């Protein structure tokens, strides 16, 4: 290994001979302190910055010559030294990027630690993320930025509808919020992106439609389906709650239905109209329970 001090120029570096086999020669720039050109036995030439960082001597690769010019190397060395003076540690930052989790790892952690534990609808998280975001799975989470999420939101809105796009945006926001909560230093790329304003998905029977609906329902041959729709109509309950109704939840004397678990996790007592009570009594007698 040989060391040389010189005013590094393109001409001088082009003339620098290859080092001895299995060795390196170092050329120290006289103009930019810490800037070094390393030449290998194969003739490969690379710029480095040698600098003490947090009490240790570190060697930071800046680029290869001639892809990186002498002036570019000097500017890169000066910039790196400025960052170090402000407390930056390029080696640690590179290691952090290298060790950063992928979106696939983050999503697996999100499912195991949050979605499957706290959400009844966790299957939808799993299904929709695998369907719409699988192209992110191998990427580092810091590489996913707001502009990309905005483009995806617009694309899904155009191809799959506004409601689907908004639901996916909420899932992305939730996943990255959990990453930050669990120690990630990055930003949430879904923050600040506005949802599409869509029409309400609610559809109510109009007064003139109700008689025709009741008439059609009376002709429904499937008794279970007929009773389900009637109870839903009479109580205004959600589909999932009506399907989960059990006899222990019904108080026939008080004409009430206790729903223990609603969408927002709060219990709810529904007052049953007389027609609903009569329908339930008839079903209970037929079931023999």
C-alpha atoms as a PDB file:
ATOM      1  CA  UNK A   1       0.000   0.000   0.000  1.00  0.00           C
ATOM      2  CA  UNK A   2       1.315   3.405  -0.984  1.00  0.00           C
ATOM      3  CA  UNK A   3       0.107   6.880  -0.060  1.00  0.00           C
ATOM      4  CA  UNK A   4       0.575  10.017  -2.170  1.00  0.00           C
ATOM      5  CA  UNK A   5      -0.345  13.677  -1.736  1.00  0.00           C
ATOM      6  CA  UNK A   6      -1.099  15.650  -4.891  1.00  0.00           C
ATOM      7  CA  UNK A   7      -3.291  18.281  -6.397  1.00  0.00           C
ATOM      8  CA  UNK A   8      -5.865  15.851  -7.757  1.00  0.00           C
ATOM      9  CA  UNK A   9      -6.729  16.528 -11.398  1.00  0.00           C
ATOM     10  CA  UNK A  10      -8.343  14.444 -14.091  1.00  0.00           C
ATOM     11  CA  UNK A  11      -5.044  14.164 -15.976  1.00  0.00           C
ATOM     12  CA  UNK A  12      -3.175  13.072 -12.829  1.00  0.00           C
ATOM     13  CA  UNK A  13      -5.765  10.453 -11.974  1.00  0.00           C
ATOM     14  CA  UNK A  14      -5.827   9.044 -15.479  1.00  0.00           C
ATOM     15  CA  UNK A  15      -2.087   8.534 -15.228  1.00  0.00           C
ATOM     16  CA  UNK A  16      -2.257   6.911 -11.767  1.00  0.00           C
ATOM     17  CA  UNK A  17      -1.052   3.303 -12.221  1.00  0.00           C
ATOM     18  CA  UNK A  18      -2.753   0.261 -10.776  1.00  0.00           C
ATOM     19  CA  UNK A  19      -1.610  -0.761  -7.325  1.00  0.00           C
ATOM     20  CA  UNK A  20       0.283  -3.929  -6.622  1.00  0.00           C
ATOM     21  CA  UNK A  21      -1.737  -7.140  -6.605  1.00  0.00           C
ATOM     22  CA  UNK A  22      -4.012  -7.495  -3.553  1.00  0.00           C
ATOM     23  CA  UNK A  23      -3.090  -3.963  -2.467  1.00  0.00           C
ATOM     24  CA  UNK A  24      -4.340  -0.382  -2.762  1.00  0.00           C
ATOM     25  CA  UNK A  25      -2.687   2.952  -3.384  1.00  0.00           C
ATOM     26  CA  UNK A  26      -4.150   6.119  -1.892  1.00  0.00           C
ATOM     27  CA  UNK A  27      -3.952   9.643  -3.343  1.00  0.00           C
ATOM     28  CA  UNK A  28      -4.780  12.437  -0.864  1.00  0.00           C
ATOM     29  CA  UNK A  29      -6.179  15.627  -2.361  1.00  0.00           C
ATOM     30  CA  UNK A  30      -4.213  18.727  -1.312  1.00  0.00           C
ATOM     31  CA  UNK A  31      -7.206  21.022  -1.884  1.00  0.00           C
ATOM     32  CA  UNK A  32     -10.054  19.196  -0.074  1.00  0.00           C
ATOM     33  CA  UNK A  33      -9.033  17.775   3.300  1.00  0.00           C
ATOM     34  CA  UNK A  34     -10.092  14.160   3.773  1.00  0.00           C
ATOM     35  CA  UNK A  35     -10.741  13.485   0.073  1.00  0.00           C
ATOM     36  CA  UNK A  36      -8.883  10.398  -1.109  1.00  0.00           C
ATOM     37  CA  UNK A  37      -8.699   8.425  -4.336  1.00  0.00           C
ATOM     38  CA  UNK A  38      -8.134   4.699  -3.804  1.00  0.00           C
ATOM     39  CA  UNK A  39      -6.625   2.671  -6.670  1.00  0.00           C
ATOM     40  CA  UNK A  40      -6.857  -1.143  -6.569  1.00  0.00           C
ATOM     41  CA  UNK A  41      -4.581  -3.729  -8.108  1.00  0.00           C
ATOM     42  CA  UNK A  42      -7.087  -4.111 -10.954  1.00  0.00           C
ATOM     43  CA  UNK A  43      -6.899  -0.388 -11.669  1.00  0.00           C
ATOM     44  CA  UNK A  44     -10.326   0.523 -10.262  1.00  0.00           C
ATOM     45  CA  UNK A  45     -10.378   4.099  -8.872  1.00  0.00           C
ATOM     46  CA  UNK A  46     -12.817   5.318  -6.200  1.00  0.00           C
ATOM     47  CA  UNK A  47     -13.245   8.541  -4.237  1.00  0.00           C
ATOM     48  CA  UNK A  48     -13.592   8.329  -0.450  1.00  0.00           C
ATOM     49  CA  UNK A  49     -13.925  10.768   2.404  1.00  0.00           C
ATOM     50  CA  UNK A  50     -11.903   9.893   5.493  1.00  0.00           C
ATOM     51  CA  UNK A  51     -13.318  11.556   8.581  1.00  0.00           C
ATOM     52  CA  UNK A  52     -13.609  10.984  12.318  1.00  0.00           C
ATOM     53  CA  UNK A  53     -17.275  10.507  13.176  1.00  0.00           C
ATOM     54  CA  UNK A  54     -18.417  10.060  16.772  1.00  0.00           C
ATOM     55  CA  UNK A  55     -14.832   9.326  17.806  1.00  0.00           C
ATOM     56  CA  UNK A  56     -14.120   6.754  15.099  1.00  0.00           C
ATOM     57  CA  UNK A  57     -12.260   7.040  11.796  1.00  0.00           C
ATOM     58  CA  UNK A  58     -14.724   6.277   9.002  1.00  0.00           C
ATOM     59  CA  UNK A  59     -14.262   5.822   5.267  1.00  0.00           C
ATOM     60  CA  UNK A  60     -17.260   6.974   3.198  1.00  0.00           C
ATOM     61  CA  UNK A  61     -17.525   5.981  -0.447  1.00  0.00           C
ATOM     62  CA  UNK A  62     -18.397   9.005  -2.599  1.00  0.00           C
ATOM     63  CA  UNK A  63     -18.228   7.547  -6.105  1.00  0.00           C
ATOM     64  CA  UNK A  64     -16.060   5.958  -8.767  1.00  0.00           C
ATOM     65  CA  UNK A  65     -13.713   7.752 -11.147  1.00  0.00           C
ATOM     66  CA  UNK A  66     -14.212   8.703 -13.963  1.00  0.00           C
ATOM     67  CA  UNK A  67     -18.036   8.476 -13.514  1.00  0.00           C
ATOM     68  CA  UNK A  68     -17.570  11.006 -10.712  1.00  0.00           C
ATOM     69  CA  UNK A  69     -15.340  13.922 -11.684  1.00  0.00           C
ATOM     70  CA  UNK A  70     -12.738  15.500  -9.416  1.00  0.00           C
ATOM     71  CA  UNK A  71     -14.891  18.602  -8.878  1.00  0.00           C
ATOM     72  CA  UNK A  72     -17.950  16.486  -8.110  1.00  0.00           C
ATOM     73  CA  UNK A  73     -15.917  14.483  -5.601  1.00  0.00           C
ATOM     74  CA  UNK A  74     -14.720  17.682  -3.889  1.00  0.00           C
ATOM     75  CA  UNK A  75     -18.274  19.021  -3.660  1.00  0.00           C
ATOM     76  CA  UNK A  76     -19.555  15.671  -2.332  1.00  0.00           C
ATOM     77  CA  UNK A  77     -16.781  15.587   0.279  1.00  0.00           C
ATOM     78  CA  UNK A  78     -17.519  19.158   1.407  1.00  0.00           C
ATOM     79  CA  UNK A  79     -21.251  18.403   1.625  1.00  0.00           C
ATOM     80  CA  UNK A  80     -20.662  15.236   3.644  1.00  0.00           C
ATOM     81  CA  UNK A  81     -18.364  17.087   6.045  1.00  0.00           C
ATOM     82  CA  UNK A  82     -20.999  19.792   6.485  1.00  0.00           C
ATOM     83  CA  UNK A  83     -23.588  17.184   7.395  1.00  0.00           C
ATOM     84  CA  UNK A  84     -21.222  15.504   9.834  1.00  0.00           C
ATOM     85  CA  UNK A  85     -20.570  18.860  11.503  1.00  0.00           C
ATOM     86  CA  UNK A  86     -24.332  19.163  12.057  1.00  0.00           C
ATOM     87  CA  UNK A  87     -24.496  15.743  13.685  1.00  0.00           C
ATOM     88  CA  UNK A  88     -25.191  13.534  10.654  1.00  0.00           C
ATOM     89  CA  UNK A  89     -23.636  10.081  10.455  1.00  0.00           C
ATOM     90  CA  UNK A  90     -23.724   8.879   6.811  1.00  0.00           C
ATOM     91  CA  UNK A  91     -22.690   5.339   7.729  1.00  0.00           C
ATOM     92  CA  UNK A  92     -25.532   4.994  10.219  1.00  0.00           C
ATOM     93  CA  UNK A  93     -27.964   6.497   7.728  1.00  0.00           C
ATOM     94  CA  UNK A  94     -26.944   3.990   5.060  1.00  0.00           C
ATOM     95  CA  UNK A  95     -27.271   1.136   7.533  1.00  0.00           C
ATOM     96  CA  UNK A  96     -30.708   2.422   8.552  1.00  0.00           C
ATOM     97  CA  UNK A  97     -31.886   2.374   4.941  1.00  0.00           C
ATOM     98  CA  UNK A  98     -30.384  -1.070   4.416  1.00  0.00           C
ATOM     99  CA  UNK A  99     -32.030  -2.459   7.575  1.00  0.00           C
ATOM    100  CA  UNK A 100     -35.368  -0.696   7.068  1.00  0.00           C
ATOM    101  CA  UNK A 101     -38.348  -3.035   6.802  1.00  0.00           C
ATOM    102  CA  UNK A 102     -40.161  -3.675   3.562  1.00  0.00           C
ATOM    103  CA  UNK A 103     -43.851  -2.915   3.108  1.00  0.00           C
ATOM    104  CA  UNK A 104     -44.506  -6.671   3.176  1.00  0.00           C
ATOM    105  CA  UNK A 105     -42.892  -6.969   6.618  1.00  0.00           C
ATOM    106  CA  UNK A 106     -44.788  -3.923   7.883  1.00  0.00           C
ATOM    107  CA  UNK A 107     -48.106  -5.265   6.609  1.00  0.00           C
ATOM    108  CA  UNK A 108     -47.520  -8.684   8.220  1.00  0.00           C
ATOM    109  CA  UNK A 109     -46.790  -6.911  11.524  1.00  0.00           C
ATOM    110  CA  UNK A 110     -49.881  -4.719  11.094  1.00  0.00           C
ATOM    111  CA  UNK A 111     -52.079  -7.778  10.580  1.00  0.00           C
ATOM    112  CA  UNK A 112     -50.642  -9.744  13.525  1.00  0.00           C
ATOM    113  CA  UNK A 113     -50.357  -6.918  16.064  1.00  0.00           C
ATOM    114  CA  UNK A 114     -53.361  -4.786  15.170  1.00  0.00           C
ATOM    115  CA  UNK A 115     -55.844  -5.848  12.499  1.00  0.00           C
ATOM    116  CA  UNK A 116     -56.476  -9.456  13.600  1.00  0.00           C
ATOM    117  CA  UNK A 117     -56.514  -8.391  17.247  1.00  0.00           C
ATOM    118  CA  UNK A 118     -58.740  -5.308  17.097  1.00  0.00           C
ATOM    119  CA  UNK A 119     -60.779  -5.468  13.880  1.00  0.00           C
ATOM    120  CA  UNK A 120     -63.668  -7.774  13.048  1.00  0.00           C
ATOM    121  CA  UNK A 121     -63.171  -6.903   9.389  1.00  0.00           C
ATOM    122  CA  UNK A 122     -59.490  -7.919   9.296  1.00  0.00           C
ATOM    123  CA  UNK A 123     -60.136 -10.216   6.321  1.00  0.00           C
ATOM    124  CA  UNK A 124     -60.905  -7.121   4.227  1.00  0.00           C
ATOM    125  CA  UNK A 125     -57.507  -5.623   5.123  1.00  0.00           C
ATOM    126  CA  UNK A 126     -55.794  -8.813   4.029  1.00  0.00           C
ATOM    127  CA  UNK A 127     -57.805  -9.171   0.823  1.00  0.00           C
ATOM    128  CA  UNK A 128     -57.611  -5.571  -0.400  1.00  0.00           C
ATOM    129  CA  UNK A 129     -53.956  -4.922   0.420  1.00  0.00           C
ATOM    130  CA  UNK A 130     -52.942  -8.125  -1.372  1.00  0.00           C
ATOM    131  CA  UNK A 131     -55.126  -7.156  -4.327  1.00  0.00           C
ATOM    132  CA  UNK A 132     -54.133  -3.500  -4.733  1.00  0.00           C
ATOM    133  CA  UNK A 133     -50.744  -3.051  -3.016  1.00  0.00           C
ATOM    134  CA  UNK A 134     -48.775  -6.231  -3.756  1.00  0.00           C
ATOM    135  CA  UNK A 135     -46.417  -4.204  -6.002  1.00  0.00           C
ATOM    136  CA  UNK A 136     -45.119  -2.498  -2.836  1.00  0.00           C
ATOM    137  CA  UNK A 137     -44.278  -5.656  -0.902  1.00  0.00           C
ATOM    138  CA  UNK A 138     -40.537  -5.770  -1.724  1.00  0.00           C
ATOM    139  CA  UNK A 139     -39.988  -2.042  -1.321  1.00  0.00           C
ATOM    140  CA  UNK A 140     -38.575  -0.200   1.683  1.00  0.00           C
ATOM    141  CA  UNK A 141     -41.373   1.739   3.356  1.00  0.00           C
ATOM    142  CA  UNK A 142     -39.508   5.057   3.066  1.00  0.00           C
ATOM    143  CA  UNK A 143     -39.503   4.704  -0.740  1.00  0.00           C
ATOM    144  CA  UNK A 144     -43.299   5.038  -0.871  1.00  0.00           C
ATOM    145  CA  UNK A 145     -44.113   8.741  -1.038  1.00  0.00           C
ATOM    146  CA  UNK A 146     -47.217  10.891  -1.022  1.00  0.00           C
ATOM    147  CA  UNK A 147     -47.181  11.557  -4.785  1.00  0.00           C
ATOM    148  CA  UNK A 148     -47.283   7.822  -5.465  1.00  0.00           C
ATOM    149  CA  UNK A 149     -50.157   7.281  -3.051  1.00  0.00           C
ATOM    150  CA  UNK A 150     -52.060  10.162  -4.691  1.00  0.00           C
ATOM    151  CA  UNK A 151     -51.577   8.592  -8.126  1.00  0.00           C
ATOM    152  CA  UNK A 152     -52.746   5.216  -6.855  1.00  0.00           C
ATOM    153  CA  UNK A 153     -55.796   6.779  -5.172  1.00  0.00           C
ATOM    154  CA  UNK A 154     -56.752   8.467  -8.444  1.00  0.00           C
ATOM    155  CA  UNK A 155     -56.185   5.271 -10.457  1.00  0.00           C
ATOM    156  CA  UNK A 156     -58.308   3.102  -8.140  1.00  0.00           C
ATOM    157  CA  UNK A 157     -61.009   5.778  -8.126  1.00  0.00           C
ATOM    158  CA  UNK A 158     -61.148   5.735 -11.923  1.00  0.00           C
ATOM    159  CA  UNK A 159     -60.969   1.973 -12.363  1.00  0.00           C
ATOM    160  CA  UNK A 160     -62.725   0.606  -9.264  1.00  0.00           C
ATOM    161  CA  UNK A 161     -64.870   3.440  -7.980  1.00  0.00           C
ATOM    162  CA  UNK A 162     -64.568   6.288  -5.484  1.00  0.00           C
ATOM    163  CA  UNK A 163     -65.694   4.236  -2.494  1.00  0.00           C
ATOM    164  CA  UNK A 164     -63.034   1.551  -3.102  1.00  0.00           C
ATOM    165  CA  UNK A 165     -60.334   4.206  -3.568  1.00  0.00           C
ATOM    166  CA  UNK A 166     -61.250   5.914  -0.292  1.00  0.00           C
ATOM    167  CA  UNK A 167     -61.279   2.634   1.630  1.00  0.00           C
ATOM    168  CA  UNK A 168     -57.832   1.752   0.316  1.00  0.00           C
ATOM    169  CA  UNK A 169     -56.516   5.211   1.215  1.00  0.00           C
ATOM    170  CA  UNK A 170     -57.737   4.723   4.788  1.00  0.00           C
ATOM    171  CA  UNK A 171     -55.996   1.350   4.983  1.00  0.00           C
ATOM    172  CA  UNK A 172     -52.701   2.819   3.766  1.00  0.00           C
ATOM    173  CA  UNK A 173     -52.999   5.666   6.280  1.00  0.00           C
ATOM    174  CA  UNK A 174     -53.727   3.223   9.110  1.00  0.00           C
ATOM    175  CA  UNK A 175     -50.804   0.917   8.225  1.00  0.00           C
ATOM    176  CA  UNK A 176     -48.264   3.756   8.144  1.00  0.00           C
ATOM    177  CA  UNK A 177     -49.704   5.319  11.326  1.00  0.00           C
ATOM    178  CA  UNK A 178     -48.994   2.041  13.104  1.00  0.00           C
ATOM    179  CA  UNK A 179     -45.458   1.970  11.668  1.00  0.00           C
ATOM    180  CA  UNK A 180     -44.816   5.397  13.201  1.00  0.00           C
ATOM    181  CA  UNK A 181     -46.432   4.347  16.476  1.00  0.00           C
ATOM    182  CA  UNK A 182     -44.088   1.327  16.588  1.00  0.00           C
ATOM    183  CA  UNK A 183     -40.941   3.405  16.060  1.00  0.00           C
ATOM    184  CA  UNK A 184     -40.551   4.186  12.356  1.00  0.00           C
ATOM    185  CA  UNK A 185     -38.884   7.580  11.790  1.00  0.00           C
ATOM    186  CA  UNK A 186     -40.517   8.137   8.404  1.00  0.00           C
ATOM    187  CA  UNK A 187     -43.582  10.101   7.366  1.00  0.00           C
ATOM    188  CA  UNK A 188     -47.046   8.760   6.590  1.00  0.00           C
ATOM    189  CA  UNK A 189     -47.391   9.121   2.782  1.00  0.00           C
ATOM    190  CA  UNK A 190     -51.202   9.075   2.986  1.00  0.00           C
ATOM    191  CA  UNK A 191     -51.465  12.090   5.302  1.00  0.00           C
ATOM    192  CA  UNK A 192     -53.005  15.143   3.635  1.00  0.00           C
ATOM    193  CA  UNK A 193     -54.540  13.269   0.699  1.00  0.00           C
ATOM    194  CA  UNK A 194     -58.226  14.121   0.485  1.00  0.00           C
ATOM    195  CA  UNK A 195     -60.843  11.466  -0.060  1.00  0.00           C
ATOM    196  CA  UNK A 196     -63.120  11.598  -3.050  1.00  0.00           C
ATOM    197  CA  UNK A 197     -66.505  13.095  -2.350  1.00  0.00           C
ATOM    198  CA  UNK A 198     -68.959  10.430  -3.407  1.00  0.00           C
ATOM    199  CA  UNK A 199     -72.698  10.099  -3.321  1.00  0.00           C
ATOM    200  CA  UNK A 200     -74.218   8.450  -0.279  1.00  0.00           C
ATOM    201  CA  UNK A 201     -74.525   4.682  -0.583  1.00  0.00           C
ATOM    202  CA  UNK A 202     -77.687   4.661   1.528  1.00  0.00           C
ATOM    203  CA  UNK A 203     -80.923   3.775  -0.282  1.00  0.00           C
ATOM    204  CA  UNK A 204     -84.261   4.249   1.462  1.00  0.00           C
ATOM    205  CA  UNK A 205     -87.624   2.929   0.416  1.00  0.00           C
ATOM    206  CA  UNK A 206     -89.928   5.739  -0.599  1.00  0.00           C
ATOM    207  CA  UNK A 207     -93.533   5.781   0.742  1.00  0.00           C
ATOM    208  CA  UNK A 208     -94.979   4.841  -2.643  1.00  0.00           C
ATOM    209  CA  UNK A 209     -92.549   1.899  -2.925  1.00  0.00           C
ATOM    210  CA  UNK A 210     -93.342   0.315   0.447  1.00  0.00           C
ATOM    211  CA  UNK A 211     -96.627  -1.439  -0.496  1.00  0.00           C
ATOM    212  CA  UNK A 212     -95.014  -3.017  -3.562  1.00  0.00           C
ATOM    213  CA  UNK A 213     -92.019  -4.114  -1.472  1.00  0.00           C
ATOM    214  CA  UNK A 214     -94.252  -5.743   1.196  1.00  0.00           C
ATOM    215  CA  UNK A 215     -96.275  -7.480  -1.508  1.00  0.00           C
ATOM    216  CA  UNK A 216     -93.135  -8.843  -3.187  1.00  0.00           C
ATOM    217  CA  UNK A 217     -91.697  -9.920   0.174  1.00  0.00           C
ATOM    218  CA  UNK A 218     -94.878 -11.846   1.026  1.00  0.00           C
ATOM    219  CA  UNK A 219     -94.389 -13.894  -2.149  1.00  0.00           C
ATOM    220  CA  UNK A 220     -90.776 -14.782  -1.260  1.00  0.00           C
ATOM    221  CA  UNK A 221     -90.678 -18.622  -0.966  1.00  0.00           C
ATOM    222  CA  UNK A 222     -87.601 -18.652   1.294  1.00  0.00           C
ATOM    223  CA  UNK A 223     -89.014 -18.133   4.774  1.00  0.00           C
ATOM    224  CA  UNK A 224     -85.673 -17.322   6.399  1.00  0.00           C
ATOM    225  CA  UNK A 225     -84.881 -14.687   3.763  1.00  0.00           C
ATOM    226  CA  UNK A 226     -88.392 -13.233   4.038  1.00  0.00           C
ATOM    227  CA  UNK A 227     -88.136 -12.888   7.816  1.00  0.00           C
ATOM    228  CA  UNK A 228     -84.612 -11.460   7.594  1.00  0.00           C
ATOM    229  CA  UNK A 229     -85.677  -8.664   5.264  1.00  0.00           C
ATOM    230  CA  UNK A 230     -88.763  -7.930   7.337  1.00  0.00           C
ATOM    231  CA  UNK A 231     -86.810  -7.679  10.615  1.00  0.00           C
ATOM    232  CA  UNK A 232     -84.214  -5.474   8.885  1.00  0.00           C
ATOM    233  CA  UNK A 233     -86.989  -3.228   7.560  1.00  0.00           C
ATOM    234  CA  UNK A 234     -88.818  -2.993  10.892  1.00  0.00           C
ATOM    235  CA  UNK A 235     -85.734  -2.356  13.049  1.00  0.00           C
ATOM    236  CA  UNK A 236     -83.314  -0.568  10.679  1.00  0.00           C
ATOM    237  CA  UNK A 237     -80.514  -2.795  12.021  1.00  0.00           C
ATOM    238  CA  UNK A 238     -77.334  -3.602  10.124  1.00  0.00           C
ATOM    239  CA  UNK A 239     -77.180  -6.814   8.116  1.00  0.00           C
ATOM    240  CA  UNK A 240     -74.414  -8.289  10.300  1.00  0.00           C
ATOM    241  CA  UNK A 241     -76.356  -7.604  13.516  1.00  0.00           C
ATOM    242  CA  UNK A 242     -79.600  -9.096  12.168  1.00  0.00           C
ATOM    243  CA  UNK A 243     -77.793 -12.232  11.009  1.00  0.00           C
ATOM    244  CA  UNK A 244     -76.154 -12.554  14.450  1.00  0.00           C
ATOM    245  CA  UNK A 245     -79.444 -12.189  16.382  1.00  0.00           C
ATOM    246  CA  UNK A 246     -79.960 -14.898  19.067  1.00  0.00           C
ATOM    247  CA  UNK A 247     -82.943 -15.734  21.256  1.00  0.00           C
ATOM    248  CA  UNK A 248     -81.041 -14.784  24.403  1.00  0.00           C
ATOM    249  CA  UNK A 249     -80.792 -11.238  23.017  1.00  0.00           C
ATOM    250  CA  UNK A 250     -84.596 -10.840  22.759  1.00  0.00           C
ATOM    251  CA  UNK A 251     -86.747  -9.679  25.702  1.00  0.00           C
ATOM    252  CA  UNK A 252     -90.280 -10.470  24.566  1.00  0.00           C
ATOM    253  CA  UNK A 253     -91.913  -8.872  27.612  1.00  0.00           C
ATOM    254  CA  UNK A 254     -90.099  -5.556  27.140  1.00  0.00           C
ATOM    255  CA  UNK A 255     -90.134  -5.901  23.338  1.00  0.00           C
ATOM    256  CA  UNK A 256     -86.424  -5.132  23.106  1.00  0.00           C
ATOM    257  CA  UNK A 257     -83.420  -6.572  21.293  1.00  0.00           C
ATOM    258  CA  UNK A 258     -79.998  -6.244  22.926  1.00  0.00           C
ATOM    259  CA  UNK A 259     -77.140  -5.976  20.398  1.00  0.00           C
ATOM    260  CA  UNK A 260     -73.962  -6.578  22.395  1.00  0.00           C
ATOM    261  CA  UNK A 261     -71.449  -5.727  19.672  1.00  0.00           C
ATOM    262  CA  UNK A 262     -72.112  -2.960  17.151  1.00  0.00           C
ATOM    263  CA  UNK A 263     -69.762  -1.505  14.532  1.00  0.00           C
ATOM    264  CA  UNK A 264     -68.333   0.973  17.048  1.00  0.00           C
ATOM    265  CA  UNK A 265     -68.151  -1.759  19.759  1.00  0.00           C
ATOM    266  CA  UNK A 266     -70.809  -0.099  21.949  1.00  0.00           C
ATOM    267  CA  UNK A 267     -73.850  -2.230  22.974  1.00  0.00           C
ATOM    268  CA  UNK A 268     -77.250  -1.114  21.709  1.00  0.00           C
ATOM    269  CA  UNK A 269     -80.841  -1.790  22.769  1.00  0.00           C
ATOM    270  CA  UNK A 270     -83.384  -1.784  19.942  1.00  0.00           C
ATOM    271  CA  UNK A 271     -87.100  -1.346  20.748  1.00  0.00           C
ATOM    272  CA  UNK A 272     -89.054  -3.825  18.651  1.00  0.00           C
ATOM    273  CA  UNK A 273     -92.339  -2.824  17.006  1.00  0.00           C
ATOM    274  CA  UNK A 274     -95.339  -5.130  17.575  1.00  0.00           C
ATOM    275  CA  UNK A 275     -95.082  -6.656  14.089  1.00  0.00           C
ATOM    276  CA  UNK A 276     -91.427  -7.589  14.692  1.00  0.00           C
ATOM    277  CA  UNK A 277     -92.283  -9.197  18.065  1.00  0.00           C
ATOM    278  CA  UNK A 278     -95.083 -11.222  16.442  1.00  0.00           C
ATOM    279  CA  UNK A 279     -92.759 -12.419  13.680  1.00  0.00           C
ATOM    280  CA  UNK A 280     -90.089 -13.474  16.189  1.00  0.00           C
ATOM    281  CA  UNK A 281     -92.596 -15.299  18.392  1.00  0.00           C
ATOM    282  CA  UNK A 282     -93.814 -17.223  15.361  1.00  0.00           C
ATOM    283  CA  UNK A 283     -90.231 -18.189  14.441  1.00  0.00           C
ATOM    284  CA  UNK A 284     -89.472 -19.232  18.019  1.00  0.00           C
ATOM    285  CA  UNK A 285     -92.548 -21.474  18.160  1.00  0.00           C
ATOM    286  CA  UNK A 286     -91.632 -23.103  14.848  1.00  0.00           C
ATOM    287  CA  UNK A 287     -88.044 -23.680  15.966  1.00  0.00           C
ATOM    288  CA  UNK A 288     -89.161 -25.336  19.216  1.00  0.00           C
ATOM    289  CA  UNK A 289     -86.578 -23.372  21.253  1.00  0.00           C
END
